[in-house]
Amino acid sequence: MLQLLIVDDEPVILHSMVANDWASAGIGNVYQASSGLEAAELMKNTPIDIVVSDIRMPGMDGLQLCKHIQDRYPRAKCILLSGYGEFEYAQKAILYGTVSYLLKPIKDEELMAEVARVRSLILEEWERIGSVERARQSFRAHLPLLKANLLNELLSGADVPAAELTGKLGEYGLPFEPDADCSLMLLRLEDGFGESPEDAMLYEFAVRNVACEILEADYGVWTCKDAFGYLCILLQDRAGGDGVRRTNDKRLDKAAHELQLKVSGFLKGGVSVLIGGTGVFPRELADRYRKALSEFRKVPRSDRGAIVLPAEPRAQSRSPGALYSPPGFQQLLEAGRWADARAKLGGVFEEMRAKKLDTEEHMTEIVYTLMNAFYYIAHLQGKTLLELSGWEPDMAADPRHLTQPEKVREWADKALAGMEAGSVREIKDGKSQLISKIHRFIEAGIAGDVSLQTIADHVGLHPVYLSSVYKQETRENISDFIMRYRMETAGVLLRTTDVKIYELASRLGFQNPPYFSKLFKQYYGITPQEFRDRHVD
């Protein structure tokens, strides 16, 4: 409800106007004053929306009161009453922001109708003000997301027209100059930041604030989180010019060290930092980001807290040999050898720990290798992966987000358990168990005697019968499996180790290295040395 003030130096007229049924016109409280000065004093402590005032009053007249109200209370509306129709009064009334100028005498109904009209104008005005303010509040609330989305667009190489970019930089309050140097910093949260997604979000926000606090003294700072979970920080020297390029190694290196110390001391967590070099904003930004991302994904998680400067690109480490050495995950899952699959997975992670292969590239490689094996087994049985495994939706999450060794190991163990529990290919019949037993014997004894007779003795069957059963179940001869296993193992060892070729031949049961090389060339079409040269940097 709005509040009304009626001002008139004639007590009878004032009382008559105050006595009207103002509630029916949408007015809450009605105040009265017998002079302009009294009205001005009352308005110091009382919020008034509409003022109805006579013009002719001693001291401060109605026009002076209107000017006083316009200067101090611009939202209040004035209605002037006068028994004089002089044009100069109407002119001044308009000049002082008066919304109505009415000639006396005026009927009560006419005055109330005019007050009701002015009330509607005020409500419409406040509605517009409220809408604009809501829009401003909404814009302010969404501003961090708008800034982050724009930076992600630029990092991805999106072509944002120069005029549009300049407009958004100004609208978002981003102190970045196009065609000036900028520097890129990537942060990766390591351990100590909680387990739940909510914890991760809070710590990311805290790390972002710490980074901004440290960097904003010297740089314009613009941040976002990319699709791979990195916190990306774009910097532009407040001094302008090529300041970032000149002092990048000193100030940014110092800032990175300070950031790590603050995060460790106050947040009890670890953060790795990559300083991704300098380029011209925005045209060189996407290229700098791709190079920085590629470099950071080669940094092992075990190198916690490392600061990677934009030096020469490091060579990518070899793939873990245990991941591809026969039998592969797909073969083990197809045979239902779940214990062996878990043991193989343990060997993969042990090799990664020992050789510091715990980079994000390697983590993704493991996830995709397992996923491919899972999909193969599911489709082999005419099922979807969800039907076969019964996984929760998060088990099929984007593998790009599984980059920490402990998270990948947890995912892999859970995935194997789900596949084992839901698989309809349970190993119950004796023939399937027999094939698994034969394969395990060959894999364990590949360097020694794995002849048909030796295998038959191991499983307690006649060699002829054994050969027939094996061919019926696998549709290949035992000798074919042995040769394939030897050649695939040789290929893995040549790609992932520096073992001498004659030693490799001995490991695989060949006493004559030239004979091994001959068979290898028949299998792969090239010699062992040519194979190694082709697959190793």
Protein backbone atom coordinates (compact mmCIF):
# COMPACT_ATOMS: atom_id res chain seq x y z
CA MET A 1 0.00 0.00 0.00
CA LEU A 2 1.27 3.47 -0.92
CA GLN A 3 1.43 6.46 1.43
CA LEU A 4 -0.16 9.86 0.72
CA LEU A 5 0.67 13.33 2.05
CA ILE A 6 -1.87 16.18 1.67
CA VAL A 7 -0.61 19.74 2.13
CA ASP A 8 -2.87 22.81 2.46
CA ASP A 9 -2.86 25.88 4.71
CA GLU A 10 -6.69 25.93 4.90
CA PRO A 11 -7.68 23.64 7.82
CA VAL A 12 -11.21 23.00 6.57
CA ILE A 13 -10.11 22.05 3.07
CA LEU A 14 -7.23 19.96 4.45
CA HIS A 15 -9.53 18.05 6.83
CA SER A 16 -12.06 17.46 4.04
CA MET A 17 -9.45 15.98 1.71
CA VAL A 18 -7.89 13.80 4.42
CA ALA A 19 -11.32 12.39 5.35
CA ASN A 20 -11.86 10.76 1.96
CA ASP A 21 -11.98 6.95 1.62
CA TRP A 22 -8.40 6.69 0.39
CA ALA A 23 -8.23 2.93 1.04
CA SER A 24 -10.60 2.41 -1.88
CA ALA A 25 -8.01 4.15 -4.09
CA GLY A 26 -5.28 1.80 -2.92
CA ILE A 27 -3.73 4.19 -0.39
CA GLY A 28 -2.48 2.83 2.93
CA ASN A 29 -1.67 5.76 5.25
CA VAL A 30 -2.63 9.41 4.79
CA TYR A 31 -0.54 12.18 6.35
CA GLN A 32 -1.27 15.91 6.48
CA ALA A 33 0.73 19.13 6.67
CA SER A 34 -0.39 22.77 6.81
CA SER A 35 2.65 24.21 5.04
CA GLY A 36 5.45 23.31 2.67
CA LEU A 37 8.00 23.53 5.48
CA GLU A 38 5.97 21.17 7.68
CA ALA A 39 5.63 18.76 4.76
CA ALA A 40 9.40 18.85 4.08
CA GLU A 41 10.12 18.14 7.76
CA LEU A 42 7.65 15.25 7.86
CA MET A 43 9.19 13.63 4.78
CA LYS A 44 12.61 13.45 6.47
CA ASN A 45 11.38 10.51 8.58
CA THR A 46 8.33 9.25 6.71
CA PRO A 47 8.40 7.56 3.30
CA ILE A 48 5.82 9.27 1.11
CA ASP A 49 4.81 8.10 -2.37
CA ILE A 50 2.29 10.76 -3.46
CA VAL A 51 2.06 14.43 -2.38
CA VAL A 52 -1.10 16.47 -3.02
CA SER A 53 -0.30 20.12 -2.36
CA ASP A 54 -1.85 23.55 -2.81
CA ILE A 55 0.37 26.07 -4.60
CA ARG A 56 -0.43 29.18 -2.59
CA MET A 57 1.06 28.67 0.89
CA PRO A 58 3.18 30.92 3.13
CA GLY A 59 6.88 30.19 3.60
CA MET A 60 7.51 27.37 1.14
CA ASP A 61 4.82 27.32 -1.52
CA GLY A 62 3.68 24.29 -3.52
CA LEU A 63 6.09 24.83 -6.39
CA GLN A 64 9.05 25.14 -4.02
CA LEU A 65 7.91 22.01 -2.21
CA CYS A 66 7.75 20.12 -5.53
CA LYS A 67 11.29 21.20 -6.39
CA HIS A 68 12.47 20.16 -2.90
CA ILE A 69 10.84 16.75 -3.34
CA GLN A 70 12.28 16.28 -6.83
CA ASP A 71 15.79 17.05 -5.55
CA ARG A 72 15.63 14.75 -2.50
CA TYR A 73 12.91 12.15 -3.20
CA PRO A 74 12.83 11.66 -6.99
CA ARG A 75 10.57 8.59 -6.76
CA ALA A 76 7.75 10.55 -5.03
CA LYS A 77 5.02 12.00 -7.27
CA CYS A 78 3.44 15.44 -6.82
CA ILE A 79 -0.08 16.64 -7.65
CA LEU A 80 -0.53 20.42 -7.46
CA LEU A 81 -3.83 22.18 -6.74
CA SER A 82 -4.41 25.82 -7.56
CA GLY A 83 -7.23 28.24 -7.88
CA TYR A 84 -5.29 30.18 -10.47
CA GLY A 85 -5.04 29.10 -14.09
CA GLU A 86 -1.96 31.06 -14.94
CA PHE A 87 0.18 29.37 -17.55
CA GLU A 88 3.42 30.09 -15.65
CA TYR A 89 2.35 27.84 -12.78
CA ALA A 90 1.70 24.95 -15.14
CA GLN A 91 5.11 25.48 -16.77
CA LYS A 92 6.97 25.43 -13.49
CA ALA A 93 4.95 22.45 -12.28
CA ILE A 94 6.09 20.45 -15.30
CA LEU A 95 9.66 21.69 -14.84
CA TYR A 96 9.67 20.41 -11.26
CA GLY A 97 8.44 16.96 -12.21
CA THR A 98 4.82 17.38 -11.16
CA VAL A 99 2.64 14.63 -12.60
CA SER A 100 -0.67 16.53 -12.35
CA TYR A 101 -1.78 20.15 -12.18
CA LEU A 102 -5.42 20.51 -11.13
CA LEU A 103 -7.51 23.63 -10.84
CA LYS A 104 -9.56 24.31 -7.72
CA PRO A 105 -12.22 23.79 -6.79
CA ILE A 106 -12.01 20.05 -7.43
CA LYS A 107 -14.49 17.37 -6.49
CA ASP A 108 -13.38 14.62 -4.07
CA GLU A 109 -14.12 11.95 -6.70
CA GLU A 110 -11.90 13.69 -9.25
CA LEU A 111 -9.03 14.03 -6.79
CA MET A 112 -9.28 10.38 -5.70
CA ALA A 113 -9.42 9.26 -9.34
CA GLU A 114 -6.28 11.26 -10.09
CA VAL A 115 -4.48 9.85 -7.04
CA ALA A 116 -5.51 6.35 -8.14
CA ARG A 117 -4.09 7.07 -11.62
CA VAL A 118 -0.80 8.29 -10.16
CA ARG A 119 -0.72 5.23 -7.89
CA SER A 120 -0.93 3.01 -10.99
CA LEU A 121 1.97 4.93 -12.56
CA ILE A 122 4.07 4.38 -9.44
CA LEU A 123 3.30 0.65 -9.34
CA GLU A 124 4.21 0.29 -13.02
CA GLU A 125 7.45 2.17 -12.45
CA TRP A 126 8.44 -0.01 -9.50
CA GLU A 127 7.57 -3.09 -11.53
CA ARG A 128 9.96 -1.93 -14.24
CA ILE A 129 12.61 -1.15 -11.64
CA GLY A 130 12.07 -4.58 -10.10
CA SER A 131 12.38 -6.29 -13.48
CA VAL A 132 15.61 -4.47 -14.30
CA GLU A 133 16.99 -5.23 -10.86
CA ARG A 134 16.04 -8.89 -11.17
CA ALA A 135 17.78 -8.97 -14.53
CA ARG A 136 20.85 -7.39 -12.99
CA GLN A 137 20.83 -9.84 -10.11
CA SER A 138 20.41 -12.75 -12.52
CA PHE A 139 23.26 -11.44 -14.64
CA ARG A 140 25.49 -11.04 -11.59
CA ALA A 141 24.60 -14.53 -10.38
CA HIS A 142 25.41 -16.06 -13.77
CA LEU A 143 28.44 -13.89 -14.48
CA PRO A 144 31.05 -16.45 -13.27
CA LEU A 145 29.49 -19.09 -15.55
CA LEU A 146 29.30 -16.66 -18.48
CA LYS A 147 32.97 -15.78 -18.04
CA ALA A 148 33.99 -19.44 -17.76
CA ASN A 149 31.97 -20.44 -20.83
CA LEU A 150 33.52 -17.69 -22.94
CA LEU A 151 37.04 -18.69 -21.90
CA ASN A 152 36.30 -22.34 -22.67
CA GLU A 153 35.09 -21.28 -26.12
CA LEU A 154 38.34 -19.44 -26.76
CA LEU A 155 40.44 -22.35 -25.46
CA SER A 156 38.63 -24.71 -27.82
CA GLY A 157 39.46 -22.46 -30.78
CA ALA A 158 35.95 -21.06 -31.33
CA ASP A 159 35.92 -18.14 -33.75
CA VAL A 160 34.41 -15.27 -31.74
CA PRO A 161 34.15 -12.10 -33.90
CA ALA A 162 36.39 -9.29 -32.67
CA ALA A 163 33.53 -6.85 -32.05
CA GLU A 164 31.53 -9.47 -30.13
CA LEU A 165 34.56 -10.44 -28.03
CA THR A 166 35.37 -6.82 -27.20
CA GLY A 167 31.76 -6.24 -26.21
CA LYS A 168 31.68 -9.28 -23.92
CA LEU A 169 35.01 -8.43 -22.31
CA GLY A 170 33.59 -5.03 -21.38
CA GLU A 171 30.20 -6.40 -20.32
CA TYR A 172 31.78 -9.08 -18.13
CA GLY A 173 34.32 -6.71 -16.61
CA LEU A 174 37.32 -8.67 -17.92
CA PRO A 175 40.51 -6.55 -18.10
CA PHE A 176 41.90 -8.20 -21.24
CA GLU A 177 43.15 -6.43 -24.35
CA PRO A 178 42.90 -8.21 -27.73
CA ASP A 179 46.18 -8.52 -29.66
CA ALA A 180 48.22 -8.19 -26.45
CA ASP A 181 50.34 -10.93 -24.87
CA CYS A 182 48.72 -13.32 -22.42
CA SER A 183 50.01 -16.27 -20.43
CA LEU A 184 48.24 -19.51 -19.57
CA MET A 185 48.50 -21.48 -16.34
CA LEU A 186 46.93 -24.91 -15.71
CA LEU A 187 46.26 -26.29 -12.21
CA ARG A 188 45.58 -29.91 -11.34
CA LEU A 189 44.26 -30.80 -7.90
CA GLU A 190 46.01 -33.82 -6.48
CA ASP A 191 45.43 -35.52 -3.11
CA GLY A 192 43.96 -34.21 0.14
CA PHE A 193 40.80 -32.60 -1.20
CA GLY A 194 38.10 -34.99 -0.01
CA GLU A 195 36.24 -37.78 -1.75
CA SER A 196 32.78 -36.48 -2.62
CA PRO A 197 31.96 -34.27 -5.63
CA GLU A 198 30.70 -31.61 -3.20
CA ASP A 199 34.09 -31.56 -1.45
CA ALA A 200 35.86 -31.32 -4.79
CA MET A 201 33.74 -28.33 -5.85
CA LEU A 202 34.40 -26.49 -2.59
CA TYR A 203 38.14 -27.10 -2.79
CA GLU A 204 38.25 -26.05 -6.46
CA PHE A 205 36.52 -22.82 -5.49
CA ALA A 206 38.98 -22.29 -2.64
CA VAL A 207 42.03 -23.01 -4.84
CA ARG A 208 40.68 -20.63 -7.48
CA ASN A 209 40.32 -17.89 -4.85
CA VAL A 210 43.84 -18.45 -3.53
CA ALA A 211 45.26 -18.32 -7.06
CA CYS A 212 43.37 -15.10 -7.87
CA GLU A 213 44.50 -13.50 -4.61
CA ILE A 214 48.13 -14.19 -5.47
CA LEU A 215 48.00 -13.26 -9.16
CA GLU A 216 45.64 -10.28 -9.30
CA ALA A 217 48.25 -7.84 -7.96
CA ASP A 218 50.21 -8.10 -11.23
CA TYR A 219 47.80 -9.58 -13.77
CA GLY A 220 44.32 -9.48 -15.13
CA VAL A 221 43.00 -12.93 -14.18
CA TRP A 222 40.36 -15.02 -15.98
CA THR A 223 39.56 -18.58 -14.89
CA CYS A 224 37.54 -21.59 -15.96
CA LYS A 225 37.43 -25.35 -15.49
CA ASP A 226 37.96 -27.27 -18.72
CA ALA A 227 36.42 -30.56 -19.89
CA PHE A 228 39.35 -32.52 -18.44
CA GLY A 229 39.02 -31.15 -14.92
CA TYR A 230 41.92 -28.68 -15.09
CA LEU A 231 41.59 -25.21 -13.62
CA CYS A 232 42.71 -22.90 -16.45
CA ILE A 233 43.96 -19.42 -15.57
CA LEU A 234 44.49 -16.83 -18.29
CA LEU A 235 46.74 -13.92 -17.35
CA GLN A 236 47.50 -10.57 -18.92
CA ASP A 237 50.04 -8.17 -17.47
CA ARG A 238 48.37 -5.10 -16.01
CA ALA A 239 51.35 -3.06 -17.21
CA GLY A 240 50.46 -3.90 -20.82
CA GLY A 241 52.89 -4.54 -23.67
CA ASP A 242 55.06 -7.63 -23.52
CA GLY A 243 55.41 -7.68 -19.76
CA VAL A 244 54.21 -11.25 -19.43
CA ARG A 245 56.74 -12.42 -22.00
CA ARG A 246 59.63 -10.53 -20.40
CA THR A 247 59.09 -11.63 -16.82
CA ASN A 248 57.15 -14.86 -17.22
CA ASP A 249 59.85 -17.14 -15.80
CA LYS A 250 60.37 -15.04 -12.67
CA ARG A 251 56.99 -13.79 -11.53
CA LEU A 252 54.86 -16.73 -12.64
CA ASP A 253 57.33 -19.25 -11.26
CA LYS A 254 57.32 -17.42 -7.94
CA ALA A 255 53.51 -17.20 -7.96
CA ALA A 256 53.22 -20.93 -8.70
CA HIS A 257 55.48 -21.77 -5.75
CA GLU A 258 53.51 -19.46 -3.47
CA LEU A 259 50.23 -21.01 -4.64
CA GLN A 260 51.47 -24.52 -3.82
CA LEU A 261 52.62 -23.40 -0.38
CA LYS A 262 49.33 -21.67 0.41
CA VAL A 263 47.20 -24.59 -0.79
CA SER A 264 49.31 -27.04 1.19
CA GLY A 265 49.35 -24.88 4.33
CA PHE A 266 45.75 -23.69 4.44
CA LEU A 267 43.79 -26.29 2.46
CA LYS A 268 45.96 -29.32 3.33
CA GLY A 269 45.99 -30.49 -0.27
CA GLY A 270 48.35 -30.71 -3.21
CA VAL A 271 48.19 -28.91 -6.52
CA SER A 272 50.37 -29.31 -9.61
CA VAL A 273 50.99 -26.26 -11.77
CA LEU A 274 51.91 -25.93 -15.43
CA ILE A 275 52.98 -22.57 -16.82
CA GLY A 276 51.95 -22.86 -20.44
CA GLY A 277 53.90 -20.13 -22.15
CA THR A 278 52.94 -16.82 -23.72
CA GLY A 279 50.92 -15.99 -26.82
CA VAL A 280 48.84 -13.24 -28.38
CA PHE A 281 45.27 -13.01 -27.09
CA PRO A 282 43.04 -14.42 -28.43
CA ARG A 283 44.41 -15.82 -31.70
CA GLU A 284 47.24 -17.90 -30.17
CA LEU A 285 45.33 -18.98 -27.07
CA ALA A 286 43.85 -22.24 -28.38
CA ASP A 287 47.23 -23.43 -29.68
CA ARG A 288 48.90 -22.64 -26.35
CA TYR A 289 46.18 -24.48 -24.50
CA ARG A 290 46.47 -27.62 -26.65
CA LYS A 291 50.23 -27.74 -26.17
CA ALA A 292 49.96 -27.14 -22.42
CA LEU A 293 47.25 -29.80 -22.08
CA SER A 294 49.30 -32.33 -24.02
CA GLU A 295 52.34 -31.62 -21.86
CA PHE A 296 50.46 -31.80 -18.56
CA ARG A 297 48.85 -35.13 -19.40
CA LYS A 298 52.35 -36.62 -19.60
CA VAL A 299 53.18 -35.61 -16.02
CA PRO A 300 52.79 -38.57 -13.61
CA ARG A 301 50.39 -38.13 -10.74
CA SER A 302 53.18 -39.35 -8.49
CA ASP A 303 55.09 -36.14 -9.31
CA ARG A 304 52.76 -34.25 -7.00
CA GLY A 305 53.27 -30.55 -6.82
CA ALA A 306 55.57 -30.36 -9.82
CA ILE A 307 55.81 -27.07 -11.65
CA VAL A 308 56.14 -27.78 -15.34
CA LEU A 309 57.60 -24.85 -17.24
CA PRO A 310 57.13 -24.45 -21.00
CA ALA A 311 60.39 -26.09 -21.93
CA GLU A 312 61.00 -28.68 -24.64
CA PRO A 313 58.11 -31.17 -24.86
CA ARG A 314 58.81 -34.35 -22.96
CA ALA A 315 58.61 -37.71 -24.71
CA GLN A 316 55.58 -39.80 -23.93
CA SER A 317 56.40 -42.81 -21.74
CA ARG A 318 55.86 -46.26 -23.18
CA SER A 319 52.65 -48.09 -22.57
CA PRO A 320 52.70 -50.48 -19.61
CA GLY A 321 53.77 -53.88 -20.93
CA ALA A 322 51.55 -55.71 -18.45
CA LEU A 323 48.49 -54.10 -20.03
CA TYR A 324 49.04 -55.78 -23.41
CA SER A 325 51.06 -58.91 -22.62
CA PRO A 326 49.11 -62.07 -23.48
CA PRO A 327 46.65 -63.15 -22.37
CA GLY A 328 44.83 -59.85 -22.78
CA PHE A 329 41.86 -58.69 -20.75
CA GLN A 330 39.50 -59.65 -23.53
CA GLN A 331 40.78 -63.23 -23.63
CA LEU A 332 40.60 -63.56 -19.85
CA LEU A 333 37.04 -62.21 -19.70
CA GLU A 334 35.92 -64.40 -22.57
CA ALA A 335 37.24 -67.45 -20.75
CA GLY A 336 35.65 -66.31 -17.47
CA ARG A 337 39.06 -66.15 -15.78
CA TRP A 338 38.09 -63.42 -13.34
CA ALA A 339 40.81 -64.10 -10.79
CA ASP A 340 43.44 -63.93 -13.53
CA ALA A 341 41.91 -60.68 -14.83
CA ARG A 342 42.16 -59.12 -11.37
CA ALA A 343 45.72 -60.36 -11.01
CA LYS A 344 46.58 -58.87 -14.39
CA LEU A 345 45.03 -55.57 -13.35
CA GLY A 346 47.13 -55.61 -10.19
CA GLY A 347 50.24 -56.23 -12.28
CA VAL A 348 49.38 -53.27 -14.52
CA PHE A 349 49.10 -50.88 -11.59
CA GLU A 350 52.22 -52.25 -9.96
CA GLU A 351 54.18 -51.65 -13.17
CA MET A 352 52.75 -48.16 -13.44
CA ARG A 353 53.77 -47.40 -9.86
CA ALA A 354 57.27 -48.80 -10.31
CA LYS A 355 57.91 -47.06 -13.63
CA LYS A 356 56.00 -43.84 -12.82
CA LEU A 357 53.55 -44.38 -15.67
CA ASP A 358 50.64 -42.90 -13.69
CA THR A 359 49.94 -40.10 -16.17
CA GLU A 360 46.47 -39.13 -17.30
CA GLU A 361 47.22 -40.54 -20.74
CA HIS A 362 48.00 -43.93 -19.22
CA MET A 363 44.94 -43.81 -16.95
CA THR A 364 42.70 -43.17 -19.94
CA GLU A 365 44.47 -45.94 -21.85
CA ILE A 366 43.62 -48.45 -19.11
CA VAL A 367 39.99 -47.34 -18.94
CA TYR A 368 39.49 -47.58 -22.69
CA THR A 369 41.24 -50.97 -22.88
CA LEU A 370 38.94 -52.39 -20.22
CA MET A 371 35.86 -50.73 -21.71
CA ASN A 372 36.62 -52.23 -25.12
CA ALA A 373 36.96 -55.68 -23.55
CA PHE A 374 33.70 -55.25 -21.62
CA TYR A 375 31.78 -54.12 -24.70
CA TYR A 376 33.18 -57.05 -26.70
CA ILE A 377 32.03 -59.61 -24.12
CA ALA A 378 28.60 -58.01 -23.80
CA HIS A 379 28.00 -57.85 -27.55
CA LEU A 380 29.36 -61.37 -27.98
CA GLN A 381 26.43 -62.51 -25.89
CA GLY A 382 23.92 -60.27 -27.68
CA LYS A 383 23.49 -57.92 -24.73
CA THR A 384 24.14 -54.29 -23.93
CA LEU A 385 26.87 -53.53 -21.44
CA LEU A 386 24.28 -52.30 -18.93
CA GLU A 387 22.23 -55.52 -19.30
CA LEU A 388 25.25 -57.73 -18.77
CA SER A 389 26.89 -55.86 -15.92
CA GLY A 390 23.96 -54.21 -14.13
CA TRP A 391 26.18 -51.18 -13.56
CA GLU A 392 24.97 -48.00 -12.00
CA PRO A 393 24.88 -45.05 -14.43
CA ASP A 394 28.14 -43.63 -13.06
CA MET A 395 30.02 -46.77 -14.11
CA ALA A 396 29.64 -45.73 -17.74
CA ALA A 397 30.77 -42.18 -17.05
CA ASP A 398 33.02 -40.29 -19.43
CA PRO A 399 36.44 -41.99 -19.07
CA ARG A 400 38.14 -38.60 -19.42
CA HIS A 401 37.18 -37.89 -15.81
CA LEU A 402 38.88 -41.05 -14.53
CA THR A 403 42.44 -39.76 -14.38
CA GLN A 404 43.65 -40.40 -10.82
CA PRO A 405 45.26 -43.84 -10.28
CA GLU A 406 43.26 -44.63 -7.15
CA LYS A 407 40.00 -43.68 -8.88
CA VAL A 408 40.84 -45.73 -11.96
CA ARG A 409 41.76 -48.74 -9.81
CA GLU A 410 38.52 -48.39 -7.85
CA TRP A 411 36.55 -48.15 -11.10
CA ALA A 412 38.33 -51.13 -12.65
CA ASP A 413 37.81 -53.37 -9.60
CA LYS A 414 34.14 -52.44 -9.46
CA ALA A 415 33.77 -52.95 -13.20
CA LEU A 416 35.30 -56.42 -13.08
CA ALA A 417 33.09 -57.35 -10.13
CA GLY A 418 30.01 -56.17 -12.01
CA MET A 419 30.96 -58.14 -15.11
CA GLU A 420 31.68 -61.26 -13.09
CA ALA A 421 28.40 -61.05 -11.15
CA GLY A 422 26.26 -60.38 -14.20
CA SER A 423 27.93 -62.58 -16.77
CA VAL A 424 25.86 -65.47 -18.10
CA ARG A 425 29.01 -67.12 -19.36
CA GLU A 426 29.81 -68.94 -16.16
CA ILE A 427 32.48 -71.57 -16.39
CA LYS A 428 30.71 -74.71 -15.21
CA ASP A 429 31.17 -77.34 -17.88
CA GLY A 430 34.36 -79.41 -17.81
CA LYS A 431 35.41 -78.55 -21.35
CA SER A 432 35.55 -74.81 -20.66
CA GLN A 433 37.54 -75.43 -17.50
CA LEU A 434 39.85 -77.73 -19.48
CA ILE A 435 40.63 -74.98 -22.05
CA SER A 436 41.39 -72.49 -19.27
CA LYS A 437 43.69 -75.00 -17.59
CA ILE A 438 45.55 -75.61 -20.86
CA HIS A 439 46.00 -71.86 -21.48
CA ARG A 440 47.31 -71.24 -17.97
CA PHE A 441 49.83 -74.06 -18.35
CA ILE A 442 51.08 -72.71 -21.68
CA GLU A 443 51.32 -69.13 -20.40
CA ALA A 444 53.25 -70.20 -17.31
CA GLY A 445 55.61 -72.56 -19.12
CA ILE A 446 56.13 -70.81 -22.45
CA ALA A 447 59.91 -70.71 -21.99
CA GLY A 448 60.07 -74.49 -21.52
CA ASP A 449 58.41 -77.58 -22.90
CA VAL A 450 54.84 -76.88 -24.00
CA SER A 451 54.53 -79.76 -26.43
CA LEU A 452 51.19 -81.53 -26.93
CA GLN A 453 52.43 -84.54 -24.95
CA THR A 454 53.55 -82.41 -22.00
CA ILE A 455 50.23 -80.58 -21.93
CA ALA A 456 48.32 -83.87 -22.16
CA ASP A 457 50.31 -85.25 -19.23
CA HIS A 458 49.50 -82.13 -17.23
CA VAL A 459 45.76 -82.42 -17.72
CA GLY A 460 45.67 -86.24 -17.63
CA LEU A 461 44.30 -86.88 -21.15
CA HIS A 462 45.51 -88.71 -24.24
CA PRO A 463 47.21 -86.28 -26.68
CA VAL A 464 44.91 -87.20 -29.57
CA TYR A 465 41.75 -86.74 -27.50
CA LEU A 466 43.10 -83.51 -26.03
CA SER A 467 43.87 -82.13 -29.49
CA SER A 468 40.37 -83.03 -30.72
CA VAL A 469 38.57 -81.44 -27.74
CA TYR A 470 40.68 -78.29 -27.97
CA LYS A 471 40.01 -77.90 -31.71
CA GLN A 472 36.29 -78.46 -31.17
CA GLU A 473 36.06 -75.80 -28.43
CA THR A 474 38.39 -73.13 -29.81
CA ARG A 475 38.34 -73.85 -33.56
CA GLU A 476 42.14 -73.72 -33.71
CA ASN A 477 44.96 -76.16 -32.97
CA ILE A 478 46.94 -75.99 -29.74
CA SER A 479 50.08 -75.36 -31.78
CA ASP A 480 48.40 -72.34 -33.41
CA PHE A 481 47.56 -70.90 -29.99
CA ILE A 482 51.11 -71.45 -28.76
CA MET A 483 52.58 -69.73 -31.82
CA ARG A 484 50.15 -66.82 -31.56
CA TYR A 485 50.83 -66.41 -27.86
CA ARG A 486 54.59 -66.41 -28.46
CA MET A 487 54.43 -63.88 -31.29
CA GLU A 488 52.05 -61.52 -29.49
CA THR A 489 54.19 -61.66 -26.36
CA ALA A 490 57.26 -60.98 -28.48
CA GLY A 491 55.57 -57.93 -30.02
CA VAL A 492 54.70 -56.52 -26.58
CA LEU A 493 58.24 -57.06 -25.26
CA LEU A 494 59.79 -55.43 -28.33
CA ARG A 495 57.55 -52.37 -27.93
CA THR A 496 57.85 -51.93 -24.19
CA THR A 497 61.30 -53.21 -23.16
CA ASP A 498 64.93 -53.05 -24.24
CA VAL A 499 65.50 -56.79 -23.90
CA LYS A 500 67.97 -58.22 -26.42
CA ILE A 501 66.35 -60.19 -29.21
CA TYR A 502 68.29 -63.36 -28.44
CA GLU A 503 67.19 -63.09 -24.78
CA LEU A 504 63.61 -62.55 -25.87
CA ALA A 505 63.76 -65.66 -28.06
CA SER A 506 64.97 -67.69 -25.09
CA ARG A 507 62.17 -66.40 -22.87
CA LEU A 508 59.64 -67.62 -25.40
CA GLY A 509 61.10 -71.11 -25.72
CA PHE A 510 63.26 -70.67 -28.86
CA GLN A 511 66.80 -71.98 -28.46
CA ASN A 512 67.74 -70.84 -31.96
CA PRO A 513 67.40 -67.01 -32.27
CA PRO A 514 67.61 -67.01 -36.12
CA TYR A 515 64.74 -69.49 -36.24
CA PHE A 516 62.72 -67.22 -33.94
CA SER A 517 63.46 -64.24 -36.23
CA LYS A 518 62.31 -66.26 -39.25
CA LEU A 519 59.01 -67.21 -37.62
CA PHE A 520 58.54 -63.64 -36.38
CA LYS A 521 58.95 -62.28 -39.90
CA GLN A 522 56.47 -64.82 -41.23
CA TYR A 523 53.96 -63.66 -38.58
CA TYR A 524 54.45 -59.87 -38.77
CA GLY A 525 56.04 -59.41 -42.19
CA ILE A 526 59.13 -57.66 -40.75
CA THR A 527 62.10 -58.71 -38.61
CA PRO A 528 62.12 -58.23 -34.81
CA GLN A 529 64.59 -55.33 -35.10
CA GLU A 530 62.51 -53.61 -37.77
CA PHE A 531 59.43 -54.08 -35.57
CA ARG A 532 61.20 -52.46 -32.60
CA ASP A 533 62.53 -49.56 -34.69
CA ARG A 534 59.05 -48.90 -36.04
CA HIS A 535 57.24 -48.96 -32.69
CA VAL A 536 59.74 -47.30 -30.34
CA ASP A 537 60.62 -43.58 -30.44
